[in-house]
Protein backbone atom coordinates (compact mmCIF):
# COMPACT_ATOMS: atom_id res chain seq x y z
CA MET A 1 -4.89 12.12 4.57
CA GLU A 2 -4.86 8.61 5.95
CA LEU A 3 -4.00 6.03 3.34
CA ARG A 4 -5.87 2.79 2.69
CA THR A 5 -3.49 -0.15 3.16
CA LEU A 6 -5.90 -3.08 2.59
CA LEU A 7 -6.90 -3.79 -1.01
CA TYR A 8 -10.39 -2.48 -1.79
CA GLY A 9 -12.92 -5.30 -1.80
CA TYR A 10 -11.33 -7.39 0.95
CA ASN A 11 -11.14 -7.84 4.71
CA LYS A 12 -8.29 -9.56 6.47
CA ARG A 13 -8.47 -11.90 9.45
CA GLN A 14 -5.62 -13.89 10.88
CA PHE A 15 -3.41 -13.31 7.82
CA ARG A 16 -6.14 -14.48 5.43
CA PHE A 17 -8.15 -12.36 3.00
CA TYR A 18 -11.93 -12.52 2.81
CA LEU A 19 -14.43 -10.75 0.59
CA ASN A 20 -15.90 -7.54 1.90
CA GLU A 21 -19.53 -8.01 0.81
CA THR A 22 -20.22 -4.33 0.09
CA GLU A 23 -16.90 -3.45 -1.56
CA SER A 24 -16.63 -6.64 -3.61
CA THR A 25 -20.05 -5.88 -5.09
CA VAL A 26 -18.67 -2.45 -6.15
CA VAL A 27 -15.60 -4.08 -7.73
CA LYS A 28 -17.76 -6.54 -9.72
CA GLN A 29 -20.00 -3.65 -10.91
CA ILE A 30 -16.92 -1.71 -12.05
CA PHE A 31 -15.82 -4.59 -14.27
CA ASP A 32 -19.37 -5.09 -15.59
CA ASP A 33 -19.81 -1.37 -16.34
CA TYR A 34 -16.49 -1.09 -18.12
CA ILE A 35 -17.09 -4.17 -20.26
CA GLY A 36 -20.62 -2.80 -20.88
CA GLY A 37 -19.20 0.36 -22.43
CA LEU A 38 -18.83 2.99 -19.68
CA THR A 39 -15.55 4.91 -19.61
CA LEU A 40 -13.27 5.08 -16.58
CA GLN A 41 -14.37 8.63 -15.90
CA LYS A 42 -18.10 7.84 -16.18
CA ILE A 43 -17.73 4.97 -13.75
CA ALA A 44 -15.83 7.27 -11.34
CA ASP A 45 -18.50 9.92 -11.70
CA ARG A 46 -21.29 7.41 -10.97
CA LEU A 47 -19.50 6.11 -7.84
CA THR A 48 -19.00 9.68 -6.59
CA ALA A 49 -22.60 10.65 -7.32
CA GLU A 50 -23.81 7.59 -5.40
CA GLN A 51 -21.50 8.45 -2.54
CA VAL A 52 -19.85 5.01 -2.60
CA VAL A 53 -17.30 4.91 0.19
CA TYR A 54 -13.73 4.09 -0.84
CA TYR A 55 -12.17 4.38 2.53
CA LYS A 56 -13.59 5.84 5.78
CA ASP A 57 -15.01 9.26 4.75
CA LYS A 58 -13.58 9.28 1.21
CA VAL A 59 -16.38 9.15 -1.36
CA THR A 60 -14.74 10.98 -4.24
CA TRP A 61 -13.59 8.65 -7.02
CA ASN A 62 -11.48 9.39 -10.08
CA LYS A 63 -10.63 7.46 -13.26
CA HIS A 64 -7.23 6.45 -11.90
CA MET A 65 -8.81 4.67 -8.91
CA VAL A 66 -11.12 2.79 -11.29
CA ARG A 67 -8.26 1.90 -13.60
CA ARG A 68 -6.16 0.48 -10.70
CA ILE A 69 -9.05 -1.80 -9.77
CA LEU A 70 -9.48 -3.04 -13.34
CA GLU A 71 -5.80 -3.80 -13.81
CA ASN A 72 -5.28 -5.55 -10.44
CA ARG A 73 -4.96 -9.31 -10.95
CA HIS A 74 -5.87 -10.04 -7.31
CA TYR A 75 -9.51 -9.48 -8.18
CA ALA A 76 -9.34 -12.57 -10.44
CA GLY A 77 -8.09 -14.74 -7.60
CA ASP A 78 -4.33 -14.06 -7.93
CA GLU A 79 -2.08 -15.23 -5.09
CA GLU A 80 -3.86 -15.46 -1.72
CA TYR A 81 -6.84 -13.33 -2.66
CA PRO A 82 -10.24 -14.95 -3.28
CA ALA A 83 -11.67 -14.08 -6.71
CA ILE A 84 -14.26 -11.36 -7.10
CA VAL A 85 -14.47 -11.69 -10.90
CA THR A 86 -13.64 -14.60 -13.16
CA ARG A 87 -10.33 -14.75 -15.06
CA ALA A 88 -12.30 -14.40 -18.28
CA VAL A 89 -13.99 -11.16 -17.09
CA TYR A 90 -10.64 -9.78 -15.94
CA GLU A 91 -8.95 -10.55 -19.26
CA GLN A 92 -11.88 -9.12 -21.24
CA ALA A 93 -11.83 -5.85 -19.31
CA ASN A 94 -8.07 -5.42 -19.64
CA GLU A 95 -7.96 -6.35 -23.28
CA LYS A 96 -10.44 -3.58 -23.87
CA ARG A 97 -8.51 -1.19 -21.66
CA LEU A 98 -5.24 -1.81 -23.49
CA LYS A 99 -6.87 -1.32 -26.90
CA LYS A 100 -8.11 2.08 -25.68
CA GLY A 101 -4.61 3.04 -24.59
CA GLY A 102 -5.54 2.75 -20.90
CA ASP A 103 -2.08 1.49 -20.10
CA ARG A 104 1.38 2.10 -21.45
CA GLU A 105 2.62 -1.16 -22.84
CA THR A 106 6.06 0.42 -23.07
CA ASP A 107 6.32 0.78 -19.30
CA SER A 108 9.25 -1.19 -17.92
CA GLU A 109 8.91 -3.40 -14.87
CA GLN A 110 10.74 -0.73 -12.94
CA GLU A 111 8.31 2.01 -13.97
CA LYS A 112 5.34 -0.23 -13.13
CA TYR A 113 6.78 -0.92 -9.64
CA PHE A 114 7.31 2.75 -8.86
CA LYS A 115 3.85 3.70 -10.18
CA SER A 116 2.21 1.24 -7.82
CA HIS A 117 4.35 2.07 -4.76
CA THR A 118 4.87 5.84 -4.90
CA VAL A 119 2.40 8.25 -3.31
CA CYS A 120 2.05 11.97 -2.78
CA GLU A 121 2.96 13.03 0.77
CA GLN A 122 0.51 15.93 0.51
CA CYS A 123 -2.71 14.11 -0.37
CA GLY A 124 -1.94 10.39 -0.40
CA GLY A 125 -2.70 10.12 -4.13
CA ARG A 126 -0.62 7.97 -6.46
CA PHE A 127 2.35 9.31 -8.34
CA THR A 128 2.63 8.31 -12.01
CA ARG A 129 5.01 8.89 -14.89
CA ARG A 130 4.37 10.33 -18.35
CA ARG A 131 6.41 11.42 -21.31
CA ASN A 132 5.77 14.55 -23.34
CA TRP A 133 4.68 14.52 -26.95
CA SER A 134 8.22 13.95 -28.28
CA GLN A 135 8.67 10.88 -26.05
CA THR A 136 12.09 12.24 -25.01
CA HIS A 137 11.45 13.73 -21.55
CA GLU A 138 9.57 12.27 -18.64
CA LYS A 139 7.75 13.69 -15.61
CA TRP A 140 6.60 12.19 -12.30
CA TYR A 141 3.48 13.86 -10.95
CA CYS A 142 0.57 13.39 -8.48
CA THR A 143 -2.51 11.94 -10.15
CA CYS A 144 -4.72 14.11 -7.87
CA GLY A 145 -3.24 17.32 -9.26
CA CYS A 146 -1.00 18.41 -6.37
CA LYS A 147 1.71 20.77 -7.61
CA ASN A 148 5.41 20.34 -6.93
CA ASN A 149 7.90 23.18 -6.57
CA ILE A 150 10.31 21.48 -8.98
CA TYR A 151 10.14 19.33 -12.08
CA ILE A 152 10.62 15.68 -11.08
CA ASP A 153 12.20 13.59 -13.83
CA ASP A 154 13.84 10.15 -13.75
CA THR A 155 17.25 11.55 -12.83
CA LEU A 156 15.94 13.32 -9.72
CA PHE A 157 13.54 10.56 -8.67
CA TYR A 158 15.76 7.51 -9.20
CA GLY A 159 18.84 9.36 -8.05
CA GLN A 160 17.30 9.93 -4.59
CA ILE A 161 16.25 6.30 -4.36
CA ILE A 162 19.82 5.20 -5.03
CA THR A 163 21.22 7.74 -2.56
CA ILE A 164 18.99 6.47 0.25
CA LEU A 165 19.64 2.81 -0.45
CA SER A 166 23.37 3.49 -0.66
CA GLN A 167 23.43 5.11 2.74
CA VAL A 168 21.33 2.28 4.21
CA THR A 169 23.89 -0.19 2.81
CA GLU A 170 26.78 1.79 4.31
CA THR A 171 25.12 2.29 7.69
CA PRO A 172 22.28 -0.26 8.03
CA GLY A 173 21.85 0.59 11.70
CA ILE A 174 19.78 3.67 10.71
CA LEU A 175 16.98 1.21 9.93
CA HIS A 176 16.41 0.49 13.61
CA VAL A 177 13.25 2.22 14.89
CA SER A 178 12.10 2.53 18.48
CA THR A 179 9.25 0.31 19.57
CA VAL A 180 6.49 1.23 22.00
CA PRO A 181 5.95 -1.55 24.54
CA ASN A 182 2.52 -2.80 25.59
CA GLU A 183 0.68 -1.25 22.67
CA THR A 184 0.45 -4.27 20.41
CA TYR A 185 -2.67 -5.66 22.12
CA SER A 186 -5.81 -3.60 22.69
CA PRO A 187 -8.82 -5.76 23.48
CA THR A 188 -12.28 -4.56 22.50
CA LEU A 189 -15.24 -4.47 24.92
CA ASP A 190 -16.68 -7.53 23.21
CA VAL A 191 -13.45 -9.46 23.80
CA ILE A 192 -13.38 -8.45 27.46
CA ARG A 193 -17.03 -9.44 27.96
CA ALA A 194 -16.46 -12.77 26.20
CA GLU A 195 -13.46 -13.50 28.43
CA LYS A 196 -15.52 -12.83 31.57
CA GLU A 197 -18.33 -15.07 30.30
CA THR A 198 -15.85 -17.87 29.67
CA ASP A 199 -14.56 -17.53 33.27
CA ARG A 200 -18.13 -17.70 34.58
CA MET A 201 -18.85 -20.84 32.54
CA ALA A 202 -15.77 -22.48 33.98
CA GLU A 203 -16.88 -21.73 37.57
CA ARG A 204 -20.22 -23.53 37.28
CA LYS A 205 -20.76 -26.76 39.17
CA ASN A 206 -21.97 -28.89 36.27
CA ILE A 207 -19.42 -28.02 33.59
CA ASP A 208 -20.12 -28.84 29.96
CA PHE A 209 -16.68 -28.82 28.39
CA LEU A 210 -17.77 -28.63 24.73
CA PRO A 211 -19.36 -25.14 24.87
CA ILE A 212 -16.54 -23.95 27.11
CA LYS A 213 -13.97 -25.23 24.61
CA LYS A 214 -15.77 -23.53 21.79
CA ALA A 215 -16.02 -20.26 23.75
CA ILE A 216 -12.28 -20.34 24.57
CA TYR A 217 -11.35 -20.90 20.96
CA LEU A 218 -13.55 -18.07 19.75
CA ASN A 219 -12.16 -15.76 22.42
CA VAL A 220 -8.57 -16.60 21.55
CA SER A 221 -9.38 -15.91 17.84
CA ASP A 222 -10.94 -12.54 18.73
CA LYS A 223 -7.98 -11.67 20.93
CA PHE A 224 -5.59 -12.39 18.07
CA ASP A 225 -7.51 -9.95 15.86
CA CYS A 226 -6.93 -7.26 18.52
CA CYS A 227 -3.16 -7.68 18.23
CA THR A 228 -1.06 -5.36 16.11
CA LEU A 229 2.05 -6.87 14.57
CA ASP A 230 5.12 -4.98 15.77
CA THR A 231 6.79 -4.80 12.37
CA ALA A 232 9.62 -2.70 13.79
CA LYS A 233 10.65 -5.50 16.10
CA ALA A 234 9.87 -8.23 13.62
CA PHE A 235 11.75 -6.85 10.66
CA SER A 236 14.44 -4.38 11.79
CA ASP A 237 17.13 -6.95 12.54
CA LEU A 238 16.29 -8.81 9.36
CA LEU A 239 16.67 -5.62 7.25
CA VAL A 240 19.94 -4.72 8.93
CA ARG A 241 21.36 -8.17 8.12
CA TYR A 242 20.00 -7.92 4.58
CA PHE A 243 21.67 -4.60 3.80
CA SER A 244 24.87 -5.50 5.70
CA LYS A 245 25.44 -8.28 3.12
CA ASN A 246 24.73 -6.01 0.09
CA GLN A 247 27.38 -4.53 -2.08
CA PRO A 248 27.49 -0.72 -2.57
CA ILE A 249 24.35 0.44 -4.46
CA GLU A 250 25.10 1.84 -7.88
CA ASP A 251 21.80 1.09 -9.60
CA ILE A 252 18.21 0.22 -8.75
CA ASN A 253 17.60 -3.45 -8.07
CA LEU A 254 13.91 -4.30 -8.28
CA GLN A 255 14.20 -7.40 -6.14
CA THR A 256 15.79 -5.35 -3.33
CA LEU A 257 12.91 -2.90 -3.51
CA ARG A 258 10.28 -5.64 -3.43
CA ASP A 259 12.00 -7.35 -0.49
CA THR A 260 12.54 -4.32 1.72
CA ILE A 261 10.27 -1.35 0.84
CA ASP A 262 6.67 -0.77 1.81
CA ARG A 263 6.05 2.64 0.22
CA ILE A 264 7.74 5.64 -1.36
CA TYR A 265 6.61 9.22 -0.68
CA ILE A 266 7.36 12.43 -2.61
CA ASN A 267 6.68 15.85 -1.01
CA LYS A 268 5.99 19.16 -2.75
CA CYS A 269 9.73 20.02 -2.79
CA GLY A 270 10.45 16.87 -4.76
CA THR A 271 12.13 15.13 -1.84
CA VAL A 272 11.78 11.36 -1.80
CA LYS A 273 11.19 9.43 1.42
CA ILE A 274 11.30 5.63 1.62
CA LYS A 275 9.19 3.71 4.12
CA PHE A 276 10.73 0.30 4.72
CA ILE A 277 8.77 -2.82 5.77
CA ASN A 278 9.63 -2.29 9.45
CA GLY A 279 8.17 1.21 9.43
CA ALA A 280 11.46 3.11 9.25
CA GLU A 281 11.15 6.21 7.05
CA ILE A 282 14.33 7.62 5.53
CA SER A 283 14.84 10.50 3.11
CA LYS A 284 17.94 11.85 1.48
CA GLU A 285 18.14 14.50 4.22
CA ASP A 286 17.89 11.86 6.90
CA SER A 287 20.60 9.74 5.41
CA TYR A 288 22.91 12.68 4.78
CA GLY A 289 22.16 14.99 7.63
CA SER A 290 25.11 17.31 7.01
CA ASP A 291 23.96 17.83 3.38
CA SER A 292 20.33 18.65 4.13
CA ASN A 293 20.73 22.40 3.73
CA SER A 294 22.51 22.19 0.41
CA THR A 295 19.95 19.69 -0.89
CA GLU A 296 17.04 21.95 0.00
CA THR A 297 18.70 24.89 -1.71
CA LYS A 298 19.28 22.85 -4.87
CA ASP A 299 15.72 21.50 -5.01
CA ASN A 300 14.14 24.91 -4.73
CA ASN A 301 16.24 26.56 -7.42
């Protein structure tokens, strides 16, 4: 399943976020419905029944998707995102959610980080963490119900994170990924037609520079939107220098995770794979190739 990378409710153009008219209306309605008394599940059921598109052909909603929208501060105008709801509406919805136990106030910053960055490699759904009734043992699991072959607790999950980061610190060169030349710019038919029209305008006898200037600027802007940032080239050297300066990893450092990691995947065997900001994907097996067989045997026992 292809994952959505842009926050629901927004479009992005030239590194700036703009409201997506259709999606932002859905976000506002979610806040209004929740404050009005509907539960997370009832809101999800309504969106699914109305076939509201979440991403591409995905029209099935669940309460976890609704909850993530309600708790995301970006919708109230946080950081570089334009506001969809007022700060007062955001606070009202989340005060109600917390009173209902919709969030675990005991979650540490580390747990919150991993909940928001870890996804299931099978379905693309979010991974979350829960304790059992005695509050003594935890479990990481896919919110969409995908089953894992082994029980994933903090020791297994965090241990693999530390193992991968330790190997990256010891041999940062493994972060280099190959780049594919000449694939970062792919003009659309509209861009090509606009470029030809600009050339024709410039070849006329009586040239009016103002419309030509405007056409050129618009064409350059559209060309820019057709470019794909080569994150491998842009960030690989930076990541290598970053980890080269690090001391051996013995524990999880949240700032290091925030600076270097894009996403974390868990497969059905309980194996963790980290995707870094340059696109490099490294698992425990990748970092310790000679130990891959023994790791697989251990995980499936």
